[in-house]
């Protein structure tokens, strides 16, 4: 038995299905491509008078005419045309009996075709979706996804450099000098509004969508830098909290005496552990702050009493707060010296 028309063989399954719908071929849904080719070839050959003028089938009939005109093809087709038609009918009938149920046979042809076609497409789509076979497979898939997400997050965290930055920050803050700077910054935080007061700048309007209200913005009045109202208390605090204690810690440096074999010369000075002894710095700052802010000593009028009162009022806890900070830094400096021994 010869095959179907060569033009039909070159068509895709979807194109053949459209031709079957266009020509009104019945019970073609369950046919495979070779069977559908034979069924269409037989159907179009039997109804050539109806479809020969159809533009969509012009290529088919021209190809059929060439095939029939060929001596070899013509003999192959004419040799046993009845057998070929019987086989095609038998295949179509067998496929229709397997797909069409008794209930669907009683319904109209269009409804039967729709019912047969829709489940077939649904089953074909479902067969392409990989679904887990058992609940254990589902749990295993979830575990794999969790492990993959955890590994990805760990990789992103490692690449971000947060760990290195955290370690570097901890090393920088784990020194007595960092604690001294933190205590001074704490004092300056409360002193700044007193010597460099805030002034109204503008208002951020309310946003109804976010539910916010009008927000007034205040910024430091930089014009105060041109007045003695800023410089008098600022210089007094700088001398009592930084300059004079640093000078005392530089010249009374106990870390230099920790090297008995080293002579105190220009060459041996770099061997000191620190340039400014933090313990001496803390003791000197405590004594100076108590004398100036606690006792109100002006050193013969060199210190402005108004500046003393302003600083003593602005700093958290007054001069007692300054003494508390020096006690903390002094204890930390002793602890640091013990750890280094």
C-alpha atoms as a PDB file:
ATOM      1  CA  UNK A   1       0.000   0.000   0.000  1.00  0.00           C
ATOM      2  CA  UNK A   2       1.389   3.356  -1.000  1.00  0.00           C
ATOM      3  CA  UNK A   3       1.569   6.307   1.345  1.00  0.00           C
ATOM      4  CA  UNK A   4      -0.488   9.463   1.441  1.00  0.00           C
ATOM      5  CA  UNK A   5      -0.146  12.415  -0.878  1.00  0.00           C
ATOM      6  CA  UNK A   6       3.338  13.978  -0.751  1.00  0.00           C
ATOM      7  CA  UNK A   7       1.943  17.432  -0.089  1.00  0.00           C
ATOM      8  CA  UNK A   8       0.021  16.137   2.940  1.00  0.00           C
ATOM      9  CA  UNK A   9       3.140  14.402   4.242  1.00  0.00           C
ATOM     10  CA  UNK A  10       4.976  17.720   4.306  1.00  0.00           C
ATOM     11  CA  UNK A  11       2.324  19.354   6.471  1.00  0.00           C
ATOM     12  CA  UNK A  12       2.472  19.516  10.259  1.00  0.00           C
ATOM     13  CA  UNK A  13      -0.068  17.820  12.474  1.00  0.00           C
ATOM     14  CA  UNK A  14      -1.703  21.152  13.344  1.00  0.00           C
ATOM     15  CA  UNK A  15      -2.016  22.045   9.646  1.00  0.00           C
ATOM     16  CA  UNK A  16      -3.612  18.678   8.923  1.00  0.00           C
ATOM     17  CA  UNK A  17      -6.044  19.193  11.811  1.00  0.00           C
ATOM     18  CA  UNK A  18      -7.054  22.577  10.427  1.00  0.00           C
ATOM     19  CA  UNK A  19      -7.610  21.034   6.973  1.00  0.00           C
ATOM     20  CA  UNK A  20      -9.774  18.323   8.535  1.00  0.00           C
ATOM     21  CA  UNK A  21     -11.863  20.950  10.332  1.00  0.00           C
ATOM     22  CA  UNK A  22     -12.064  23.054   7.154  1.00  0.00           C
ATOM     23  CA  UNK A  23     -13.211  20.204   4.947  1.00  0.00           C
ATOM     24  CA  UNK A  24     -15.564  18.657   7.524  1.00  0.00           C
ATOM     25  CA  UNK A  25     -13.731  15.359   8.040  1.00  0.00           C
ATOM     26  CA  UNK A  26     -15.345  13.399  10.879  1.00  0.00           C
ATOM     27  CA  UNK A  27     -13.700  11.556  13.769  1.00  0.00           C
ATOM     28  CA  UNK A  28     -10.164  12.703  13.100  1.00  0.00           C
ATOM     29  CA  UNK A  29      -9.202  13.865  16.584  1.00  0.00           C
ATOM     30  CA  UNK A  30      -7.620  10.624  17.817  1.00  0.00           C
ATOM     31  CA  UNK A  31      -5.750   9.862  14.601  1.00  0.00           C
ATOM     32  CA  UNK A  32      -1.999  10.035  14.466  1.00  0.00           C
ATOM     33  CA  UNK A  33      -0.293  12.020  11.725  1.00  0.00           C
ATOM     34  CA  UNK A  34       0.198   9.157   9.208  1.00  0.00           C
ATOM     35  CA  UNK A  35      -3.362   7.977   9.723  1.00  0.00           C
ATOM     36  CA  UNK A  36      -4.684  11.522   9.411  1.00  0.00           C
ATOM     37  CA  UNK A  37      -2.756  11.935   6.135  1.00  0.00           C
ATOM     38  CA  UNK A  38      -4.339   8.812   4.685  1.00  0.00           C
ATOM     39  CA  UNK A  39      -7.801   9.795   5.880  1.00  0.00           C
ATOM     40  CA  UNK A  40      -7.490  13.278   4.374  1.00  0.00           C
ATOM     41  CA  UNK A  41      -6.070  11.897   1.138  1.00  0.00           C
ATOM     42  CA  UNK A  42      -8.984   9.489   0.784  1.00  0.00           C
ATOM     43  CA  UNK A  43     -11.583  12.089   1.763  1.00  0.00           C
ATOM     44  CA  UNK A  44     -10.272  14.760  -0.586  1.00  0.00           C
ATOM     45  CA  UNK A  45      -9.949  12.272  -3.442  1.00  0.00           C
ATOM     46  CA  UNK A  46     -13.584  11.214  -3.020  1.00  0.00           C
ATOM     47  CA  UNK A  47     -14.775  14.821  -2.838  1.00  0.00           C
ATOM     48  CA  UNK A  48     -12.540  16.380  -5.443  1.00  0.00           C
ATOM     49  CA  UNK A  49     -15.533  17.936  -7.188  1.00  0.00           C
ATOM     50  CA  UNK A  50     -16.339  19.855  -4.001  1.00  0.00           C
ATOM     51  CA  UNK A  51     -12.881  21.001  -2.906  1.00  0.00           C
ATOM     52  CA  UNK A  52     -10.877  21.172  -6.111  1.00  0.00           C
ATOM     53  CA  UNK A  53     -11.622  24.900  -6.416  1.00  0.00           C
ATOM     54  CA  UNK A  54     -10.742  25.619  -2.754  1.00  0.00           C
ATOM     55  CA  UNK A  55      -7.635  27.861  -2.629  1.00  0.00           C
ATOM     56  CA  UNK A  56      -6.390  26.089   0.511  1.00  0.00           C
ATOM     57  CA  UNK A  57      -6.361  22.755  -1.311  1.00  0.00           C
ATOM     58  CA  UNK A  58      -4.944  23.946  -4.612  1.00  0.00           C
ATOM     59  CA  UNK A  59      -1.467  22.630  -3.741  1.00  0.00           C
ATOM     60  CA  UNK A  60      -2.934  19.267  -2.773  1.00  0.00           C
ATOM     61  CA  UNK A  61      -4.767  18.734  -6.056  1.00  0.00           C
ATOM     62  CA  UNK A  62      -1.847  19.974  -8.121  1.00  0.00           C
ATOM     63  CA  UNK A  63       0.442  17.553  -6.288  1.00  0.00           C
ATOM     64  CA  UNK A  64      -2.095  14.772  -6.744  1.00  0.00           C
ATOM     65  CA  UNK A  65      -2.365  15.523 -10.434  1.00  0.00           C
ATOM     66  CA  UNK A  66       1.419  15.278 -10.822  1.00  0.00           C
ATOM     67  CA  UNK A  67       1.496  12.033  -8.864  1.00  0.00           C
ATOM     68  CA  UNK A  68      -1.291  10.448 -10.884  1.00  0.00           C
ATOM     69  CA  UNK A  69       0.329  11.645 -14.116  1.00  0.00           C
ATOM     70  CA  UNK A  70       3.579   9.854 -13.251  1.00  0.00           C
ATOM     71  CA  UNK A  71       3.658   6.323 -14.730  1.00  0.00           C
ATOM     72  CA  UNK A  72       5.142   4.838 -11.590  1.00  0.00           C
ATOM     73  CA  UNK A  73       2.873   6.651  -9.119  1.00  0.00           C
ATOM     74  CA  UNK A  74      -0.194   6.105 -11.251  1.00  0.00           C
ATOM     75  CA  UNK A  75       0.373   2.357 -11.327  1.00  0.00           C
ATOM     76  CA  UNK A  76       0.941   2.297  -7.585  1.00  0.00           C
ATOM     77  CA  UNK A  77      -2.308   4.128  -6.929  1.00  0.00           C
ATOM     78  CA  UNK A  78      -4.414   2.231  -9.442  1.00  0.00           C
ATOM     79  CA  UNK A  79      -2.976  -1.186  -8.549  1.00  0.00           C
ATOM     80  CA  UNK A  80      -5.064  -1.591  -5.454  1.00  0.00           C
ATOM     81  CA  UNK A  81      -7.156   1.520  -4.726  1.00  0.00           C
ATOM     82  CA  UNK A  82      -9.904  -0.438  -3.021  1.00  0.00           C
ATOM     83  CA  UNK A  83      -7.509  -1.968  -0.513  1.00  0.00           C
ATOM     84  CA  UNK A  84      -6.093   1.409   0.416  1.00  0.00           C
ATOM     85  CA  UNK A  85      -9.549   2.873   0.972  1.00  0.00           C
ATOM     86  CA  UNK A  86     -10.572  -0.103   3.098  1.00  0.00           C
ATOM     87  CA  UNK A  87      -7.502   0.255   5.336  1.00  0.00           C
ATOM     88  CA  UNK A  88      -8.064   3.987   5.769  1.00  0.00           C
ATOM     89  CA  UNK A  89     -11.761   3.442   6.637  1.00  0.00           C
ATOM     90  CA  UNK A  90     -10.862   0.680   9.073  1.00  0.00           C
ATOM     91  CA  UNK A  91      -8.334   2.865  10.910  1.00  0.00           C
ATOM     92  CA  UNK A  92     -10.721   5.783  11.133  1.00  0.00           C
ATOM     93  CA  UNK A  93     -13.544   3.558  12.419  1.00  0.00           C
ATOM     94  CA  UNK A  94     -11.303   1.873  15.014  1.00  0.00           C
ATOM     95  CA  UNK A  95     -10.024   5.224  16.384  1.00  0.00           C
ATOM     96  CA  UNK A  96     -13.551   6.596  16.557  1.00  0.00           C
ATOM     97  CA  UNK A  97     -14.803   3.534  18.497  1.00  0.00           C
ATOM     98  CA  UNK A  98     -11.987   3.931  21.073  1.00  0.00           C
ATOM     99  CA  UNK A  99     -12.630   7.632  21.705  1.00  0.00           C
ATOM    100  CA  UNK A 100     -16.377   8.155  21.310  1.00  0.00           C
ATOM    101  CA  UNK A 101     -18.486   6.926  24.230  1.00  0.00           C
ATOM    102  CA  UNK A 102     -22.112   5.722  23.854  1.00  0.00           C
ATOM    103  CA  UNK A 103     -23.382   8.910  25.490  1.00  0.00           C
ATOM    104  CA  UNK A 104     -21.455  11.154  23.168  1.00  0.00           C
ATOM    105  CA  UNK A 105     -22.693   9.281  20.078  1.00  0.00           C
ATOM    106  CA  UNK A 106     -26.251  10.333  20.866  1.00  0.00           C
ATOM    107  CA  UNK A 107     -25.270  14.021  20.952  1.00  0.00           C
ATOM    108  CA  UNK A 108     -24.814  16.213  17.885  1.00  0.00           C
ATOM    109  CA  UNK A 109     -21.609  15.854  15.955  1.00  0.00           C
ATOM    110  CA  UNK A 110     -20.220  19.280  16.889  1.00  0.00           C
ATOM    111  CA  UNK A 111     -20.739  18.644  20.598  1.00  0.00           C
ATOM    112  CA  UNK A 112     -19.082  15.227  20.325  1.00  0.00           C
ATOM    113  CA  UNK A 113     -16.048  16.709  18.606  1.00  0.00           C
ATOM    114  CA  UNK A 114     -15.700  19.407  21.297  1.00  0.00           C
ATOM    115  CA  UNK A 115     -15.978  16.890  24.140  1.00  0.00           C
ATOM    116  CA  UNK A 116     -13.435  14.588  22.561  1.00  0.00           C
ATOM    117  CA  UNK A 117     -10.985  17.347  21.671  1.00  0.00           C
ATOM    118  CA  UNK A 118     -10.946  19.219  25.008  1.00  0.00           C
ATOM    119  CA  UNK A 119     -10.023  16.283  27.318  1.00  0.00           C
ATOM    120  CA  UNK A 120      -7.325  15.202  24.900  1.00  0.00           C
ATOM    121  CA  UNK A 121      -5.669  18.612  25.005  1.00  0.00           C
ATOM    122  CA  UNK A 122      -6.005  18.805  28.795  1.00  0.00           C
ATOM    123  CA  UNK A 123      -4.410  15.395  29.254  1.00  0.00           C
ATOM    124  CA  UNK A 124      -1.638  16.295  26.820  1.00  0.00           C
ATOM    125  CA  UNK A 125      -0.874  19.490  28.782  1.00  0.00           C
ATOM    126  CA  UNK A 126      -1.004  17.704  32.130  1.00  0.00           C
ATOM    127  CA  UNK A 127       1.390  15.021  30.926  1.00  0.00           C
ATOM    128  CA  UNK A 128       4.012  17.688  30.172  1.00  0.00           C
ATOM    129  CA  UNK A 129       3.989  19.088  33.755  1.00  0.00           C
ATOM    130  CA  UNK A 130       6.439  17.178  36.015  1.00  0.00           C
ATOM    131  CA  UNK A 131       4.587  16.455  39.251  1.00  0.00           C
ATOM    132  CA  UNK A 132       6.023  14.743  42.347  1.00  0.00           C
ATOM    133  CA  UNK A 133       4.932  11.171  42.752  1.00  0.00           C
ATOM    134  CA  UNK A 134       4.664  11.001  46.555  1.00  0.00           C
ATOM    135  CA  UNK A 135       4.543  13.380  49.568  1.00  0.00           C
ATOM    136  CA  UNK A 136       8.124  12.360  50.301  1.00  0.00           C
ATOM    137  CA  UNK A 137       9.142  13.738  46.910  1.00  0.00           C
ATOM    138  CA  UNK A 138       7.383  17.005  47.741  1.00  0.00           C
ATOM    139  CA  UNK A 139       9.208  17.266  51.079  1.00  0.00           C
ATOM    140  CA  UNK A 140      12.517  16.491  49.386  1.00  0.00           C
ATOM    141  CA  UNK A 141      11.899  19.172  46.744  1.00  0.00           C
ATOM    142  CA  UNK A 142      11.092  21.725  49.470  1.00  0.00           C
ATOM    143  CA  UNK A 143      14.270  20.787  51.349  1.00  0.00           C
ATOM    144  CA  UNK A 144      16.351  21.198  48.208  1.00  0.00           C
ATOM    145  CA  UNK A 145      14.823  24.618  47.573  1.00  0.00           C
ATOM    146  CA  UNK A 146      15.445  25.667  51.178  1.00  0.00           C
ATOM    147  CA  UNK A 147      19.075  24.571  51.026  1.00  0.00           C
ATOM    148  CA  UNK A 148      19.564  26.400  47.719  1.00  0.00           C
ATOM    149  CA  UNK A 149      18.050  29.616  49.105  1.00  0.00           C
ATOM    150  CA  UNK A 150      20.135  29.363  52.272  1.00  0.00           C
ATOM    151  CA  UNK A 151      23.312  28.836  50.265  1.00  0.00           C
ATOM    152  CA  UNK A 152      22.472  31.789  48.013  1.00  0.00           C
ATOM    153  CA  UNK A 153      21.839  34.080  51.002  1.00  0.00           C
ATOM    154  CA  UNK A 154      25.100  32.964  52.629  1.00  0.00           C
ATOM    155  CA  UNK A 155      26.974  33.682  49.398  1.00  0.00           C
ATOM    156  CA  UNK A 156      25.441  37.154  49.079  1.00  0.00           C
ATOM    157  CA  UNK A 157      26.259  37.906  52.732  1.00  0.00           C
ATOM    158  CA  UNK A 158      29.854  36.787  52.242  1.00  0.00           C
ATOM    159  CA  UNK A 159      30.292  38.786  49.036  1.00  0.00           C
ATOM    160  CA  UNK A 160      28.806  41.925  50.592  1.00  0.00           C
ATOM    161  CA  UNK A 161      31.819  42.341  52.906  1.00  0.00           C
ATOM    162  CA  UNK A 162      29.669  42.849  56.015  1.00  0.00           C
ATOM    163  CA  UNK A 163      31.788  40.406  58.023  1.00  0.00           C
ATOM    164  CA  UNK A 164      35.061  42.167  57.199  1.00  0.00           C
ATOM    165  CA  UNK A 165      33.551  45.590  57.922  1.00  0.00           C
ATOM    166  CA  UNK A 166      32.160  44.359  61.246  1.00  0.00           C
ATOM    167  CA  UNK A 167      35.517  42.948  62.325  1.00  0.00           C
ATOM    168  CA  UNK A 168      37.341  46.115  61.272  1.00  0.00           C
ATOM    169  CA  UNK A 169      34.858  48.287  63.198  1.00  0.00           C
ATOM    170  CA  UNK A 170      35.202  46.124  66.295  1.00  0.00           C
ATOM    171  CA  UNK A 171      38.995  46.340  66.181  1.00  0.00           C
ATOM    172  CA  UNK A 172      38.855  50.125  65.780  1.00  0.00           C
ATOM    173  CA  UNK A 173      36.476  50.620  68.715  1.00  0.00           C
ATOM    174  CA  UNK A 174      38.224  48.133  71.022  1.00  0.00           C
ATOM    175  CA  UNK A 175      40.867  50.641  72.114  1.00  0.00           C
ATOM    176  CA  UNK A 176      41.146  53.116  74.963  1.00  0.00           C
ATOM    177  CA  UNK A 177      41.597  55.959  72.476  1.00  0.00           C
ATOM    178  CA  UNK A 178      38.226  55.136  70.880  1.00  0.00           C
ATOM    179  CA  UNK A 179      36.539  55.224  74.283  1.00  0.00           C
ATOM    180  CA  UNK A 180      38.135  58.602  75.025  1.00  0.00           C
ATOM    181  CA  UNK A 181      36.822  59.970  71.724  1.00  0.00           C
ATOM    182  CA  UNK A 182      33.372  58.531  72.430  1.00  0.00           C
ATOM    183  CA  UNK A 183      33.214  60.223  75.840  1.00  0.00           C
ATOM    184  CA  UNK A 184      34.301  63.553  74.345  1.00  0.00           C
ATOM    185  CA  UNK A 185      31.737  63.200  71.536  1.00  0.00           C
ATOM    186  CA  UNK A 186      29.032  62.515  74.159  1.00  0.00           C
ATOM    187  CA  UNK A 187      29.901  65.747  75.955  1.00  0.00           C
ATOM    188  CA  UNK A 188      30.055  67.725  72.717  1.00  0.00           C
ATOM    189  CA  UNK A 189      26.644  66.386  71.641  1.00  0.00           C
ATOM    190  CA  UNK A 190      24.972  68.113  74.594  1.00  0.00           C
ATOM    191  CA  UNK A 191      27.196  71.190  74.417  1.00  0.00           C
ATOM    192  CA  UNK A 192      26.539  71.997  70.748  1.00  0.00           C
ATOM    193  CA  UNK A 193      22.884  73.217  71.129  1.00  0.00           C
ATOM    194  CA  UNK A 194      24.063  75.594  73.867  1.00  0.00           C
ATOM    195  CA  UNK A 195      26.891  77.264  71.984  1.00  0.00           C
ATOM    196  CA  UNK A 196      25.517  76.818  68.440  1.00  0.00           C
ATOM    197  CA  UNK A 197      21.759  77.091  68.820  1.00  0.00           C
ATOM    198  CA  UNK A 198      19.300  75.800  66.232  1.00  0.00           C
ATOM    199  CA  UNK A 199      17.229  78.148  64.117  1.00  0.00           C
ATOM    200  CA  UNK A 200      14.103  77.507  62.048  1.00  0.00           C
ATOM    201  CA  UNK A 201      14.925  76.914  58.378  1.00  0.00           C
ATOM    202  CA  UNK A 202      11.857  75.558  56.564  1.00  0.00           C
ATOM    203  CA  UNK A 203       8.909  73.190  56.907  1.00  0.00           C
ATOM    204  CA  UNK A 204       8.386  69.899  55.132  1.00  0.00           C
ATOM    205  CA  UNK A 205       4.702  69.940  54.136  1.00  0.00           C
ATOM    206  CA  UNK A 206       2.331  67.195  55.196  1.00  0.00           C
ATOM    207  CA  UNK A 207       1.718  64.280  52.851  1.00  0.00           C
ATOM    208  CA  UNK A 208      -1.883  63.089  53.045  1.00  0.00           C
ATOM    209  CA  UNK A 209      -1.076  59.825  51.280  1.00  0.00           C
ATOM    210  CA  UNK A 210       1.502  58.901  53.932  1.00  0.00           C
ATOM    211  CA  UNK A 211      -0.465  60.378  56.797  1.00  0.00           C
ATOM    212  CA  UNK A 212       2.364  62.708  57.902  1.00  0.00           C
ATOM    213  CA  UNK A 213       2.042  66.172  59.404  1.00  0.00           C
ATOM    214  CA  UNK A 214       3.952  69.391  58.784  1.00  0.00           C
ATOM    215  CA  UNK A 215       7.551  68.893  59.944  1.00  0.00           C
ATOM    216  CA  UNK A 216       9.572  72.010  60.817  1.00  0.00           C
ATOM    217  CA  UNK A 217      13.305  71.739  60.107  1.00  0.00           C
ATOM    218  CA  UNK A 218      15.874  73.442  62.322  1.00  0.00           C
ATOM    219  CA  UNK A 219      19.567  73.853  61.508  1.00  0.00           C
ATOM    220  CA  UNK A 220      22.465  75.312  63.545  1.00  0.00           C
ATOM    221  CA  UNK A 221      22.810  79.065  63.316  1.00  0.00           C
ATOM    222  CA  UNK A 222      26.210  79.331  61.649  1.00  0.00           C
ATOM    223  CA  UNK A 223      26.309  83.105  62.159  1.00  0.00           C
ATOM    224  CA  UNK A 224      27.095  82.433  65.828  1.00  0.00           C
ATOM    225  CA  UNK A 225      30.574  81.375  64.706  1.00  0.00           C
ATOM    226  CA  UNK A 226      31.296  85.084  64.285  1.00  0.00           C
ATOM    227  CA  UNK A 227      30.480  85.933  67.917  1.00  0.00           C
ATOM    228  CA  UNK A 228      32.211  85.453  71.275  1.00  0.00           C
ATOM    229  CA  UNK A 229      29.071  83.721  72.494  1.00  0.00           C
ATOM    230  CA  UNK A 230      30.315  80.635  70.619  1.00  0.00           C
ATOM    231  CA  UNK A 231      34.077  80.867  70.913  1.00  0.00           C
ATOM    232  CA  UNK A 232      34.355  81.597  74.639  1.00  0.00           C
ATOM    233  CA  UNK A 233      32.631  78.411  75.893  1.00  0.00           C
ATOM    234  CA  UNK A 234      33.914  76.356  72.947  1.00  0.00           C
ATOM    235  CA  UNK A 235      37.576  77.189  73.661  1.00  0.00           C
ATOM    236  CA  UNK A 236      37.096  76.679  77.405  1.00  0.00           C
ATOM    237  CA  UNK A 237      35.683  73.184  76.874  1.00  0.00           C
ATOM    238  CA  UNK A 238      38.416  72.339  74.334  1.00  0.00           C
ATOM    239  CA  UNK A 239      41.182  73.327  76.760  1.00  0.00           C
ATOM    240  CA  UNK A 240      39.716  71.617  79.815  1.00  0.00           C
ATOM    241  CA  UNK A 241      38.593  68.431  78.045  1.00  0.00           C
ATOM    242  CA  UNK A 242      41.252  67.913  75.371  1.00  0.00           C
ATOM    243  CA  UNK A 243      44.249  70.249  75.165  1.00  0.00           C
ATOM    244  CA  UNK A 244      45.472  70.420  78.782  1.00  0.00           C
ATOM    245  CA  UNK A 245      44.791  66.716  79.560  1.00  0.00           C
ATOM    246  CA  UNK A 246      46.646  65.742  76.350  1.00  0.00           C
ATOM    247  CA  UNK A 247      49.663  67.832  77.314  1.00  0.00           C
ATOM    248  CA  UNK A 248      49.688  66.225  80.765  1.00  0.00           C
ATOM    249  CA  UNK A 249      49.343  62.738  79.270  1.00  0.00           C
ATOM    250  CA  UNK A 250      52.176  63.370  76.846  1.00  0.00           C
ATOM    251  CA  UNK A 251      54.719  64.506  79.419  1.00  0.00           C
ATOM    252  CA  UNK A 252      53.589  62.191  82.214  1.00  0.00           C
ATOM    253  CA  UNK A 253      53.517  59.028  80.125  1.00  0.00           C
ATOM    254  CA  UNK A 254      53.725  55.915  82.281  1.00  0.00           C
ATOM    255  CA  UNK A 255      54.196  53.694  79.228  1.00  0.00           C
ATOM    256  CA  UNK A 256      57.638  55.221  78.719  1.00  0.00           C
ATOM    257  CA  UNK A 257      58.657  54.188  82.239  1.00  0.00           C
ATOM    258  CA  UNK A 258      57.545  50.635  81.472  1.00  0.00           C
ATOM    259  CA  UNK A 259      60.824  50.179  79.518  1.00  0.00           C
ATOM    260  CA  UNK A 260      63.555  50.511  82.197  1.00  0.00           C
ATOM    261  CA  UNK A 261      66.385  49.754  79.756  1.00  0.00           C
ATOM    262  CA  UNK A 262      65.362  52.569  77.377  1.00  0.00           C
ATOM    263  CA  UNK A 263      66.725  56.064  77.893  1.00  0.00           C
ATOM    264  CA  UNK A 264      64.311  58.937  77.501  1.00  0.00           C
ATOM    265  CA  UNK A 265      65.858  60.501  74.434  1.00  0.00           C
ATOM    266  CA  UNK A 266      64.737  61.398  70.964  1.00  0.00           C
ATOM    267  CA  UNK A 267      65.719  57.960  69.743  1.00  0.00           C
ATOM    268  CA  UNK A 268      63.936  56.075  72.512  1.00  0.00           C
ATOM    269  CA  UNK A 269      60.753  58.162  72.471  1.00  0.00           C
ATOM    270  CA  UNK A 270      59.172  56.218  69.563  1.00  0.00           C
ATOM    271  CA  UNK A 271      59.418  53.033  71.653  1.00  0.00           C
ATOM    272  CA  UNK A 272      56.641  54.303  73.953  1.00  0.00           C
ATOM    273  CA  UNK A 273      53.440  52.283  73.668  1.00  0.00           C
ATOM    274  CA  UNK A 274      51.261  55.410  73.266  1.00  0.00           C
ATOM    275  CA  UNK A 275      52.000  59.062  72.633  1.00  0.00           C
ATOM    276  CA  UNK A 276      49.505  60.195  75.275  1.00  0.00           C
ATOM    277  CA  UNK A 277      49.023  58.101  78.406  1.00  0.00           C
ATOM    278  CA  UNK A 278      45.237  57.531  78.668  1.00  0.00           C
ATOM    279  CA  UNK A 279      45.353  57.128  82.446  1.00  0.00           C
ATOM    280  CA  UNK A 280      47.185  60.421  82.937  1.00  0.00           C
ATOM    281  CA  UNK A 281      44.807  62.032  80.426  1.00  0.00           C
ATOM    282  CA  UNK A 282      41.778  60.894  82.418  1.00  0.00           C
ATOM    283  CA  UNK A 283      43.217  61.997  85.785  1.00  0.00           C
ATOM    284  CA  UNK A 284      44.245  65.412  84.453  1.00  0.00           C
ATOM    285  CA  UNK A 285      40.827  65.954  82.841  1.00  0.00           C
ATOM    286  CA  UNK A 286      39.072  65.026  86.087  1.00  0.00           C
ATOM    287  CA  UNK A 287      41.180  67.441  88.168  1.00  0.00           C
ATOM    288  CA  UNK A 288      40.836  70.354  85.723  1.00  0.00           C
ATOM    289  CA  UNK A 289      37.078  69.848  85.297  1.00  0.00           C
ATOM    290  CA  UNK A 290      36.511  69.677  89.044  1.00  0.00           C
ATOM    291  CA  UNK A 291      38.532  72.850  89.661  1.00  0.00           C
ATOM    292  CA  UNK A 292      36.952  74.869  86.836  1.00  0.00           C
ATOM    293  CA  UNK A 293      33.362  73.612  86.666  1.00  0.00           C
ATOM    294  CA  UNK A 294      32.953  72.280  90.202  1.00  0.00           C
ATOM    295  CA  UNK A 295      34.703  75.064  92.142  1.00  0.00           C
ATOM    296  CA  UNK A 296      34.271  77.875  89.629  1.00  0.00           C
ATOM    297  CA  UNK A 297      37.962  78.909  89.631  1.00  0.00           C
ATOM    298  CA  UNK A 298      38.591  81.595  86.997  1.00  0.00           C
ATOM    299  CA  UNK A 299      42.418  81.710  87.372  1.00  0.00           C
ATOM    300  CA  UNK A 300      42.472  85.405  88.062  1.00  0.00           C
ATOM    301  CA  UNK A 301      39.814  86.310  85.506  1.00  0.00           C
ATOM    302  CA  UNK A 302      41.276  84.341  82.630  1.00  0.00           C
ATOM    303  CA  UNK A 303      38.162  82.163  82.498  1.00  0.00           C
ATOM    304  CA  UNK A 304      34.744  83.697  81.889  1.00  0.00           C
ATOM    305  CA  UNK A 305      32.274  82.801  84.632  1.00  0.00           C
ATOM    306  CA  UNK A 306      29.386  82.922  82.166  1.00  0.00           C
ATOM    307  CA  UNK A 307      31.109  80.337  79.968  1.00  0.00           C
ATOM    308  CA  UNK A 308      31.664  78.083  82.994  1.00  0.00           C
ATOM    309  CA  UNK A 309      27.972  78.275  83.889  1.00  0.00           C
ATOM    310  CA  UNK A 310      26.857  77.599  80.315  1.00  0.00           C
ATOM    311  CA  UNK A 311      29.083  74.524  79.939  1.00  0.00           C
ATOM    312  CA  UNK A 312      28.173  73.238  83.402  1.00  0.00           C
ATOM    313  CA  UNK A 313      24.484  73.551  82.470  1.00  0.00           C
ATOM    314  CA  UNK A 314      24.723  72.114  78.970  1.00  0.00           C
ATOM    315  CA  UNK A 315      26.811  68.976  79.586  1.00  0.00           C
ATOM    316  CA  UNK A 316      24.801  65.991  80.782  1.00  0.00           C
ATOM    317  CA  UNK A 317      25.158  65.809  84.568  1.00  0.00           C
ATOM    318  CA  UNK A 318      27.297  68.941  84.742  1.00  0.00           C
ATOM    319  CA  UNK A 319      30.828  68.588  86.053  1.00  0.00           C
ATOM    320  CA  UNK A 320      29.788  65.362  87.815  1.00  0.00           C
ATOM    321  CA  UNK A 321      29.010  63.853  84.422  1.00  0.00           C
ATOM    322  CA  UNK A 322      32.497  64.826  83.223  1.00  0.00           C
ATOM    323  CA  UNK A 323      34.043  63.172  86.298  1.00  0.00           C
ATOM    324  CA  UNK A 324      32.039  60.019  85.609  1.00  0.00           C
ATOM    325  CA  UNK A 325      33.397  59.886  82.065  1.00  0.00           C
ATOM    326  CA  UNK A 326      36.996  60.292  83.286  1.00  0.00           C
ATOM    327  CA  UNK A 327      36.480  57.507  85.821  1.00  0.00           C
ATOM    328  CA  UNK A 328      35.316  55.171  83.057  1.00  0.00           C
ATOM    329  CA  UNK A 329      38.239  55.962  80.765  1.00  0.00           C
ATOM    330  CA  UNK A 330      40.705  55.682  83.649  1.00  0.00           C
ATOM    331  CA  UNK A 331      39.496  52.195  84.590  1.00  0.00           C
ATOM    332  CA  UNK A 332      39.613  51.080  80.954  1.00  0.00           C
ATOM    333  CA  UNK A 333      43.175  52.339  80.570  1.00  0.00           C
ATOM    334  CA  UNK A 334      44.256  50.334  83.666  1.00  0.00           C
ATOM    335  CA  UNK A 335      42.463  47.236  82.308  1.00  0.00           C
ATOM    336  CA  UNK A 336      44.131  47.681  78.911  1.00  0.00           C
ATOM    337  CA  UNK A 337      47.568  47.988  80.549  1.00  0.00           C
ATOM    338  CA  UNK A 338      46.984  44.791  82.511  1.00  0.00           C
ATOM    339  CA  UNK A 339      45.982  42.894  79.363  1.00  0.00           C
ATOM    340  CA  UNK A 340      49.144  43.984  77.574  1.00  0.00           C
ATOM    341  CA  UNK A 341      51.431  42.648  80.298  1.00  0.00           C
END
